[in-house]
Amino acid sequence: MKLIITVVQNKDADEVVDALVSAEFRA
């Protein structure tokens, strides 16, 4: 769950977060 915590702390990286979330759900 470290990824989610990093995502929450880096709201500026919304696009990166979206890509990561997409990859997570696609995997």
PDB file of N, CA and C in Angstrom:
ATOM      1  N   MET A   1       0.842  -1.204   0.000  1.00  0.00           N
ATOM      2  CA  MET A   1       0.000   0.000   0.000  1.00  0.00           C
ATOM      3  C   MET A   1       0.877   1.254   0.000  1.00  0.00           C
ATOM      4  N   LYS A   2       2.182   1.065  -0.092  1.00  0.00           N
ATOM      5  CA  LYS A   2       3.091   2.216  -0.093  1.00  0.00           C
ATOM      6  C   LYS A   2       2.786   3.122  -1.272  1.00  0.00           C
ATOM      7  N   LEU A   3       2.378   2.526  -2.380  1.00  0.00           N
ATOM      8  CA  LEU A   3       2.096   3.295  -3.595  1.00  0.00           C
ATOM      9  C   LEU A   3       0.962   4.278  -3.347  1.00  0.00           C
ATOM     10  N   ILE A   4      -0.102   3.799  -2.692  1.00  0.00           N
ATOM     11  CA  ILE A   4      -1.264   4.658  -2.432  1.00  0.00           C
ATOM     12  C   ILE A   4      -0.862   5.832  -1.541  1.00  0.00           C
ATOM     13  N   ILE A   5      -0.050   5.567  -0.537  1.00  0.00           N
ATOM     14  CA  ILE A   5       0.391   6.630   0.372  1.00  0.00           C
ATOM     15  C   ILE A   5       1.184   7.674  -0.404  1.00  0.00           C
ATOM     16  N   THR A   6       2.069   7.212  -1.267  1.00  0.00           N
ATOM     17  CA  THR A   6       2.865   8.135  -2.086  1.00  0.00           C
ATOM     18  C   THR A   6       1.949   8.954  -2.973  1.00  0.00           C
ATOM     19  N   VAL A   7       0.944   8.301  -3.515  1.00  0.00           N
ATOM     20  CA  VAL A   7      -0.016   8.983  -4.396  1.00  0.00           C
ATOM     21  C   VAL A   7      -0.725  10.096  -3.631  1.00  0.00           C
ATOM     22  N   VAL A   8      -1.173   9.795  -2.432  1.00  0.00           N
ATOM     23  CA  VAL A   8      -1.898  10.780  -1.628  1.00  0.00           C
ATOM     24  C   VAL A   8      -0.992  11.962  -1.288  1.00  0.00           C
ATOM     25  N   GLN A   9       0.279  11.683  -1.047  1.00  0.00           N
ATOM     26  CA  GLN A   9       1.207  12.750  -0.670  1.00  0.00           C
ATOM     27  C   GLN A   9       1.629  13.574  -1.874  1.00  0.00           C
ATOM     28  N   ASN A  10       1.411  13.034  -3.074  1.00  0.00           N
ATOM     29  CA  ASN A  10       1.827  13.752  -4.291  1.00  0.00           C
ATOM     30  C   ASN A  10       0.616  14.033  -5.158  1.00  0.00           C
ATOM     31  N   LYS A  11      -0.269  14.870  -4.648  1.00  0.00           N
ATOM     32  CA  LYS A  11      -1.485  15.193  -5.407  1.00  0.00           C
ATOM     33  C   LYS A  11      -1.133  15.894  -6.714  1.00  0.00           C
ATOM     34  N   ASP A  12       0.064  16.477  -6.761  1.00  0.00           N
ATOM     35  CA  ASP A  12       0.491  17.175  -7.978  1.00  0.00           C
ATOM     36  C   ASP A  12       0.679  16.191  -9.122  1.00  0.00           C
ATOM     37  N   ALA A  13       1.005  14.951  -8.786  1.00  0.00           N
ATOM     38  CA  ALA A  13       1.254  13.939  -9.815  1.00  0.00           C
ATOM     39  C   ALA A  13      -0.039  13.217 -10.167  1.00  0.00           C
ATOM     40  N   ASP A  14      -1.087  13.996 -10.400  1.00  0.00           N
ATOM     41  CA  ASP A  14      -2.396  13.411 -10.695  1.00  0.00           C
ATOM     42  C   ASP A  14      -2.337  12.530 -11.938  1.00  0.00           C
ATOM     43  N   GLU A  15      -1.638  13.008 -12.954  1.00  0.00           N
ATOM     44  CA  GLU A  15      -1.553  12.233 -14.197  1.00  0.00           C
ATOM     45  C   GLU A  15      -0.807  10.929 -13.961  1.00  0.00           C
ATOM     46  N   VAL A  16       0.282  11.006 -13.234  1.00  0.00           N
ATOM     47  CA  VAL A  16       1.065   9.806 -12.929  1.00  0.00           C
ATOM     48  C   VAL A  16       0.218   8.844 -12.103  1.00  0.00           C
ATOM     49  N   VAL A  17      -0.502   9.383 -11.153  1.00  0.00           N
ATOM     50  CA  VAL A  17      -1.370   8.568 -10.305  1.00  0.00           C
ATOM     51  C   VAL A  17      -2.393   7.841 -11.164  1.00  0.00           C
ATOM     52  N   ASP A  18      -2.994   8.574 -12.083  1.00  0.00           N
ATOM     53  CA  ASP A  18      -4.000   7.977 -12.956  1.00  0.00           C
ATOM     54  C   ASP A  18      -3.400   6.817 -13.739  1.00  0.00           C
ATOM     55  N   ALA A  19      -2.204   7.017 -14.261  1.00  0.00           N
ATOM     56  CA  ALA A  19      -1.537   5.974 -15.042  1.00  0.00           C
ATOM     57  C   ALA A  19      -1.238   4.769 -14.153  1.00  0.00           C
ATOM     58  N   LEU A  20      -0.759   5.026 -12.949  1.00  0.00           N
ATOM     59  CA  LEU A  20      -0.430   3.934 -12.031  1.00  0.00           C
ATOM     60  C   LEU A  20      -1.687   3.166 -11.651  1.00  0.00           C
ATOM     61  N   VAL A  21      -2.742   3.883 -11.333  1.00  0.00           N
ATOM     62  CA  VAL A  21      -4.005   3.241 -10.955  1.00  0.00           C
ATOM     63  C   VAL A  21      -4.526   2.407 -12.118  1.00  0.00           C
ATOM     64  N   SER A  22      -4.428   2.967 -13.311  1.00  0.00           N
ATOM     65  CA  SER A  22      -4.891   2.255 -14.503  1.00  0.00           C
ATOM     66  C   SER A  22      -4.093   0.963 -14.667  1.00  0.00           C
ATOM     67  N   ALA A  23      -2.786   1.052 -14.504  1.00  0.00           N
ATOM     68  CA  ALA A  23      -1.924  -0.118 -14.650  1.00  0.00           C
ATOM     69  C   ALA A  23      -2.263  -1.147 -13.573  1.00  0.00           C
ATOM     70  N   GLU A  24      -2.520  -0.671 -12.362  1.00  0.00           N
ATOM     71  CA  GLU A  24      -2.835  -1.587 -11.260  1.00  0.00           C
ATOM     72  C   GLU A  24      -4.119  -2.358 -11.544  1.00  0.00           C
ATOM     73  N   PHE A  25      -5.131  -1.681 -12.029  1.00  0.00           N
ATOM     74  CA  PHE A  25      -6.412  -2.326 -12.283  1.00  0.00           C
ATOM     75  C   PHE A  25      -6.355  -3.188 -13.540  1.00  0.00           C
ATOM     76  N   ARG A  26      -5.490  -2.802 -14.479  1.00  0.00           N
ATOM     77  CA  ARG A  26      -5.354  -3.572 -15.725  1.00  0.00           C
ATOM     78  C   ARG A  26      -4.567  -4.852 -15.465  1.00  0.00           C
ATOM     79  N   ALA A  27      -3.659  -4.806 -14.489  1.00  0.00           N
ATOM     80  CA  ALA A  27      -2.832  -5.970 -14.182  1.00  0.00           C
ATOM     81  C   ALA A  27      -3.687  -7.015 -13.480  1.00  0.00           C
TER      82      ALA A  27
END
